Amino acid sequence: MATTKKKSGTLKIKWVRSFIGCPRGMRQTIRGLGFRRMQQVVERADTPETRGMIAKVHHLVEIEG
């Protein structure tokens, strides 16, 4: 599995697809990652918890390298 990990142990995540029509849990996961609007980029620590959240909404976000 290829990871886009920086030396500081952080990930840049971009929200690229709308969550309209998605279950409530996915909406809460997007908000939990810190997103407020589409096309926003957030930087999060590369932890198993963050990776799990990304895996849950992988079709809505991109990991920037």
PDB file of N, CA and C in Angstrom:
ATOM      1  N   MET A   1       0.837  -1.176   0.000  1.00  0.00           N
ATOM      2  CA  MET A   1       0.000   0.000   0.000  1.00  0.00           C
ATOM      3  C   MET A   1       0.883   1.241   0.000  1.00  0.00           C
ATOM      4  N   ALA A   2       0.674   2.080  -0.978  1.00  0.00           N
ATOM      5  CA  ALA A   2       1.461   3.299  -1.081  1.00  0.00           C
ATOM      6  C   ALA A   2       0.876   4.362  -0.156  1.00  0.00           C
ATOM      7  N   THR A   3       1.737   4.992   0.605  1.00  0.00           N
ATOM      8  CA  THR A   3       1.273   6.057   1.489  1.00  0.00           C
ATOM      9  C   THR A   3       1.906   7.362   1.063  1.00  0.00           C
ATOM     10  N   THR A   4       1.157   8.426   1.231  1.00  0.00           N
ATOM     11  CA  THR A   4       1.686   9.757   0.951  1.00  0.00           C
ATOM     12  C   THR A   4       1.945  10.419   2.289  1.00  0.00           C
ATOM     13  N   LYS A   5       3.038  10.017   2.898  1.00  0.00           N
ATOM     14  CA  LYS A   5       3.364  10.455   4.241  1.00  0.00           C
ATOM     15  C   LYS A   5       4.499  11.469   4.169  1.00  0.00           C
ATOM     16  N   LYS A   6       4.348  12.563   4.892  1.00  0.00           N
ATOM     17  CA  LYS A   6       5.423  13.540   4.985  1.00  0.00           C
ATOM     18  C   LYS A   6       6.366  13.135   6.110  1.00  0.00           C
ATOM     19  N   LYS A   7       7.506  13.778   6.139  1.00  0.00           N
ATOM     20  CA  LYS A   7       8.481  13.475   7.173  1.00  0.00           C
ATOM     21  C   LYS A   7       7.948  13.795   8.575  1.00  0.00           C
ATOM     22  N   SER A   8       7.067  14.768   8.674  1.00  0.00           N
ATOM     23  CA  SER A   8       6.552  15.165   9.980  1.00  0.00           C
ATOM     24  C   SER A   8       5.420  14.262  10.462  1.00  0.00           C
ATOM     25  N   GLY A   9       5.011  13.275   9.653  1.00  0.00           N
ATOM     26  CA  GLY A   9       3.974  12.350  10.071  1.00  0.00           C
ATOM     27  C   GLY A   9       2.570  12.901   9.917  1.00  0.00           C
ATOM     28  N   THR A  10       2.354  13.748   8.902  1.00  0.00           N
ATOM     29  CA  THR A  10       1.031  14.317   8.684  1.00  0.00           C
ATOM     30  C   THR A  10       0.526  13.969   7.291  1.00  0.00           C
ATOM     31  N   LEU A  11      -0.779  14.051   7.127  1.00  0.00           N
ATOM     32  CA  LEU A  11      -1.428  13.808   5.838  1.00  0.00           C
ATOM     33  C   LEU A  11      -2.199  15.056   5.437  1.00  0.00           C
ATOM     34  N   LYS A  12      -2.146  15.393   4.153  1.00  0.00           N
ATOM     35  CA  LYS A  12      -2.995  16.454   3.626  1.00  0.00           C
ATOM     36  C   LYS A  12      -4.167  15.785   2.937  1.00  0.00           C
ATOM     37  N   ILE A  13      -5.368  16.108   3.382  1.00  0.00           N
ATOM     38  CA  ILE A  13      -6.575  15.477   2.881  1.00  0.00           C
ATOM     39  C   ILE A  13      -7.453  16.556   2.260  1.00  0.00           C
ATOM     40  N   LYS A  14      -7.995  16.269   1.070  1.00  0.00           N
ATOM     41  CA  LYS A  14      -8.851  17.225   0.378  1.00  0.00           C
ATOM     42  C   LYS A  14     -10.228  16.605   0.183  1.00  0.00           C
ATOM     43  N   TRP A  15     -11.276  17.360   0.502  1.00  0.00           N
ATOM     44  CA  TRP A  15     -12.654  16.916   0.326  1.00  0.00           C
ATOM     45  C   TRP A  15     -13.076  17.265  -1.092  1.00  0.00           C
ATOM     46  N   VAL A  16     -13.336  16.245  -1.937  1.00  0.00           N
ATOM     47  CA  VAL A  16     -13.577  16.484  -3.357  1.00  0.00           C
ATOM     48  C   VAL A  16     -14.984  16.132  -3.835  1.00  0.00           C
ATOM     49  N   ARG A  17     -15.737  15.311  -3.094  1.00  0.00           N
ATOM     50  CA  ARG A  17     -17.094  14.938  -3.524  1.00  0.00           C
ATOM     51  C   ARG A  17     -18.086  15.204  -2.401  1.00  0.00           C
ATOM     52  N   SER A  18     -19.278  15.614  -2.794  1.00  0.00           N
ATOM     53  CA  SER A  18     -20.319  15.954  -1.833  1.00  0.00           C
ATOM     54  C   SER A  18     -20.810  14.719  -1.090  1.00  0.00           C
ATOM     55  N   PHE A  19     -21.270  14.935   0.136  1.00  0.00           N
ATOM     56  CA  PHE A  19     -21.833  13.825   0.906  1.00  0.00           C
ATOM     57  C   PHE A  19     -23.360  13.808   0.851  1.00  0.00           C
ATOM     58  N   ILE A  20     -23.952  14.537  -0.084  1.00  0.00           N
ATOM     59  CA  ILE A  20     -25.410  14.492  -0.268  1.00  0.00           C
ATOM     60  C   ILE A  20     -25.793  13.055  -0.627  1.00  0.00           C
ATOM     61  N   GLY A  21     -26.745  12.505   0.081  1.00  0.00           N
ATOM     62  CA  GLY A  21     -27.188  11.141  -0.160  1.00  0.00           C
ATOM     63  C   GLY A  21     -26.418  10.086   0.619  1.00  0.00           C
ATOM     64  N   CYS A  22     -25.396  10.493   1.354  1.00  0.00           N
ATOM     65  CA  CYS A  22     -24.618   9.556   2.157  1.00  0.00           C
ATOM     66  C   CYS A  22     -25.262   9.394   3.531  1.00  0.00           C
ATOM     67  N   PRO A  23     -25.021   8.262   4.172  1.00  0.00           N
ATOM     68  CA  PRO A  23     -25.550   8.062   5.531  1.00  0.00           C
ATOM     69  C   PRO A  23     -24.974   9.079   6.516  1.00  0.00           C
ATOM     70  N   ARG A  24     -25.680   9.233   7.613  1.00  0.00           N
ATOM     71  CA  ARG A  24     -25.298  10.218   8.622  1.00  0.00           C
ATOM     72  C   ARG A  24     -23.886   9.978   9.158  1.00  0.00           C
ATOM     73  N   GLY A  25     -23.504   8.718   9.311  1.00  0.00           N
ATOM     74  CA  GLY A  25     -22.173   8.405   9.821  1.00  0.00           C
ATOM     75  C   GLY A  25     -21.058   8.937   8.939  1.00  0.00           C
ATOM     76  N   MET A  26     -21.257   8.900   7.631  1.00  0.00           N
ATOM     77  CA  MET A  26     -20.241   9.435   6.713  1.00  0.00           C
ATOM     78  C   MET A  26     -20.169  10.955   6.814  1.00  0.00           C
ATOM     79  N   ARG A  27     -21.319  11.587   6.957  1.00  0.00           N
ATOM     80  CA  ARG A  27     -21.337  13.043   7.131  1.00  0.00           C
ATOM     81  C   ARG A  27     -20.577  13.428   8.397  1.00  0.00           C
ATOM     82  N   GLN A  28     -20.813  12.679   9.470  1.00  0.00           N
ATOM     83  CA  GLN A  28     -20.135  12.967  10.724  1.00  0.00           C
ATOM     84  C   GLN A  28     -18.634  12.709  10.624  1.00  0.00           C
ATOM     85  N   THR A  29     -18.243  11.725   9.828  1.00  0.00           N
ATOM     86  CA  THR A  29     -16.825  11.443   9.646  1.00  0.00           C
ATOM     87  C   THR A  29     -16.140  12.590   8.907  1.00  0.00           C
ATOM     88  N   ILE A  30     -16.795  13.116   7.863  1.00  0.00           N
ATOM     89  CA  ILE A  30     -16.245  14.263   7.127  1.00  0.00           C
ATOM     90  C   ILE A  30     -16.074  15.451   8.077  1.00  0.00           C
ATOM     91  N   ARG A  31     -17.087  15.717   8.879  1.00  0.00           N
ATOM     92  CA  ARG A  31     -17.003  16.822   9.843  1.00  0.00           C
ATOM     93  C   ARG A  31     -15.935  16.530  10.902  1.00  0.00           C
ATOM     94  N   GLY A  32     -15.825  15.267  11.297  1.00  0.00           N
ATOM     95  CA  GLY A  32     -14.832  14.883  12.298  1.00  0.00           C
ATOM     96  C   GLY A  32     -13.405  15.052  11.818  1.00  0.00           C
ATOM     97  N   LEU A  33     -13.206  14.933  10.511  1.00  0.00           N
ATOM     98  CA  LEU A  33     -11.877  15.179   9.949  1.00  0.00           C
ATOM     99  C   LEU A  33     -11.545  16.668   9.915  1.00  0.00           C
ATOM    100  N   GLY A  34     -12.547  17.518  10.154  1.00  0.00           N
ATOM    101  CA  GLY A  34     -12.306  18.953  10.222  1.00  0.00           C
ATOM    102  C   GLY A  34     -12.734  19.724   9.001  1.00  0.00           C
ATOM    103  N   PHE A  35     -13.438  19.081   8.078  1.00  0.00           N
ATOM    104  CA  PHE A  35     -13.868  19.773   6.868  1.00  0.00           C
ATOM    105  C   PHE A  35     -15.078  20.647   7.142  1.00  0.00           C
ATOM    106  N   ARG A  36     -15.101  21.829   6.545  1.00  0.00           N
ATOM    107  CA  ARG A  36     -16.235  22.742   6.634  1.00  0.00           C
ATOM    108  C   ARG A  36     -16.842  22.999   5.262  1.00  0.00           C
ATOM    109  N   ARG A  37     -16.044  22.885   4.196  1.00  0.00           N
ATOM    110  CA  ARG A  37     -16.555  23.149   2.848  1.00  0.00           C
ATOM    111  C   ARG A  37     -15.829  22.284   1.829  1.00  0.00           C
ATOM    112  N   MET A  38     -16.467  22.126   0.690  1.00  0.00           N
ATOM    113  CA  MET A  38     -15.871  21.334  -0.398  1.00  0.00           C
ATOM    114  C   MET A  38     -14.569  21.976  -0.869  1.00  0.00           C
ATOM    115  N   GLN A  39     -13.680  21.177  -1.399  1.00  0.00           N
ATOM    116  CA  GLN A  39     -12.379  21.585  -1.923  1.00  0.00           C
ATOM    117  C   GLN A  39     -11.432  22.095  -0.838  1.00  0.00           C
ATOM    118  N   GLN A  40     -11.815  21.966   0.417  1.00  0.00           N
ATOM    119  CA  GLN A  40     -10.952  22.374   1.518  1.00  0.00           C
ATOM    120  C   GLN A  40      -9.878  21.321   1.738  1.00  0.00           C
ATOM    121  N   VAL A  41      -8.693  21.754   2.105  1.00  0.00           N
ATOM    122  CA  VAL A  41      -7.592  20.853   2.428  1.00  0.00           C
ATOM    123  C   VAL A  41      -7.284  20.998   3.906  1.00  0.00           C
ATOM    124  N   VAL A  42      -7.238  19.865   4.605  1.00  0.00           N
ATOM    125  CA  VAL A  42      -6.876  19.869   6.019  1.00  0.00           C
ATOM    126  C   VAL A  42      -5.640  18.993   6.205  1.00  0.00           C
ATOM    127  N   GLU A  43      -4.884  19.293   7.224  1.00  0.00           N
ATOM    128  CA  GLU A  43      -3.685  18.515   7.538  1.00  0.00           C
ATOM    129  C   GLU A  43      -3.925  17.818   8.869  1.00  0.00           C
ATOM    130  N   ARG A  44      -3.806  16.506   8.879  1.00  0.00           N
ATOM    131  CA  ARG A  44      -4.062  15.700  10.065  1.00  0.00           C
ATOM    132  C   ARG A  44      -2.871  14.788  10.316  1.00  0.00           C
ATOM    133  N   ALA A  45      -2.681  14.413  11.573  1.00  0.00           N
ATOM    134  CA  ALA A  45      -1.609  13.483  11.942  1.00  0.00           C
ATOM    135  C   ALA A  45      -1.886  12.126  11.318  1.00  0.00           C
ATOM    136  N   ASP A  46      -0.835  11.455  10.902  1.00  0.00           N
ATOM    137  CA  ASP A  46      -0.962  10.131  10.284  1.00  0.00           C
ATOM    138  C   ASP A  46      -1.042   9.081  11.383  1.00  0.00           C
ATOM    139  N   THR A  47      -2.258   8.853  11.881  1.00  0.00           N
ATOM    140  CA  THR A  47      -2.487   7.871  12.935  1.00  0.00           C
ATOM    141  C   THR A  47      -3.452   6.811  12.424  1.00  0.00           C
ATOM    142  N   PRO A  48      -3.524   5.669  13.085  1.00  0.00           N
ATOM    143  CA  PRO A  48      -4.493   4.648  12.672  1.00  0.00           C
ATOM    144  C   PRO A  48      -5.938   5.150  12.721  1.00  0.00           C
ATOM    145  N   GLU A  49      -6.237   6.039  13.662  1.00  0.00           N
ATOM    146  CA  GLU A  49      -7.592   6.585  13.769  1.00  0.00           C
ATOM    147  C   GLU A  49      -7.937   7.419  12.538  1.00  0.00           C
ATOM    148  N   THR A  50      -7.001   8.282  12.134  1.00  0.00           N
ATOM    149  CA  THR A  50      -7.221   9.113  10.949  1.00  0.00           C
ATOM    150  C   THR A  50      -7.321   8.254   9.702  1.00  0.00           C
ATOM    151  N   ARG A  51      -6.460   7.249   9.591  1.00  0.00           N
ATOM    152  CA  ARG A  51      -6.514   6.337   8.438  1.00  0.00           C
ATOM    153  C   ARG A  51      -7.855   5.615   8.366  1.00  0.00           C
ATOM    154  N   GLY A  52      -8.404   5.238   9.517  1.00  0.00           N
ATOM    155  CA  GLY A  52      -9.703   4.579   9.554  1.00  0.00           C
ATOM    156  C   GLY A  52     -10.818   5.498   9.096  1.00  0.00           C
ATOM    157  N   MET A  53     -10.750   6.762   9.499  1.00  0.00           N
ATOM    158  CA  MET A  53     -11.756   7.729   9.067  1.00  0.00           C
ATOM    159  C   MET A  53     -11.672   7.951   7.561  1.00  0.00           C
ATOM    160  N   ILE A  54     -10.455   8.037   7.044  1.00  0.00           N
ATOM    161  CA  ILE A  54     -10.271   8.211   5.600  1.00  0.00           C
ATOM    162  C   ILE A  54     -10.798   6.991   4.853  1.00  0.00           C
ATOM    163  N   ALA A  55     -10.564   5.807   5.393  1.00  0.00           N
ATOM    164  CA  ALA A  55     -11.036   4.577   4.746  1.00  0.00           C
ATOM    165  C   ALA A  55     -12.559   4.553   4.665  1.00  0.00           C
ATOM    166  N   LYS A  56     -13.213   5.111   5.664  1.00  0.00           N
ATOM    167  CA  LYS A  56     -14.681   5.124   5.683  1.00  0.00           C
ATOM    168  C   LYS A  56     -15.262   6.030   4.602  1.00  0.00           C
ATOM    169  N   VAL A  57     -14.576   7.118   4.287  1.00  0.00           N
ATOM    170  CA  VAL A  57     -15.076   8.076   3.289  1.00  0.00           C
ATOM    171  C   VAL A  57     -14.104   8.219   2.113  1.00  0.00           C
ATOM    172  N   HIS A  58     -13.401   7.134   1.775  1.00  0.00           N
ATOM    173  CA  HIS A  58     -12.356   7.179   0.746  1.00  0.00           C
ATOM    174  C   HIS A  58     -12.873   7.658  -0.608  1.00  0.00           C
ATOM    175  N   HIS A  59     -14.146   7.465  -0.884  1.00  0.00           N
ATOM    176  CA  HIS A  59     -14.707   7.878  -2.169  1.00  0.00           C
ATOM    177  C   HIS A  59     -15.077   9.364  -2.191  1.00  0.00           C
ATOM    178  N   LEU A  60     -14.959  10.052  -1.069  1.00  0.00           N
ATOM    179  CA  LEU A  60     -15.288  11.465  -0.986  1.00  0.00           C
ATOM    180  C   LEU A  60     -14.066  12.361  -0.840  1.00  0.00           C
ATOM    181  N   VAL A  61     -12.932  11.781  -0.492  1.00  0.00           N
ATOM    182  CA  VAL A  61     -11.730  12.572  -0.223  1.00  0.00           C
ATOM    183  C   VAL A  61     -10.551  12.065  -1.054  1.00  0.00           C
ATOM    184  N   GLU A  62      -9.530  12.907  -1.141  1.00  0.00           N
ATOM    185  CA  GLU A  62      -8.249  12.531  -1.764  1.00  0.00           C
ATOM    186  C   GLU A  62      -7.140  12.851  -0.789  1.00  0.00           C
ATOM    187  N   ILE A  63      -6.110  12.022  -0.805  1.00  0.00           N
ATOM    188  CA  ILE A  63      -4.912  12.313  -0.015  1.00  0.00           C
ATOM    189  C   ILE A  63      -3.925  12.975  -0.958  1.00  0.00           C
ATOM    190  N   GLU A  64      -3.523  14.186  -0.627  1.00  0.00           N
ATOM    191  CA  GLU A  64      -2.609  14.933  -1.480  1.00  0.00           C
ATOM    192  C   GLU A  64      -1.173  14.591  -1.117  1.00  0.00           C
ATOM    193  N   GLY A  65      -0.341  14.538  -2.134  1.00  0.00           N
ATOM    194  CA  GLY A  65       1.041  14.169  -1.913  1.00  0.00           C
ATOM    195  C   GLY A  65       1.947  15.234  -2.176  1.00  0.00           C
TER     196      GLY A  65
END
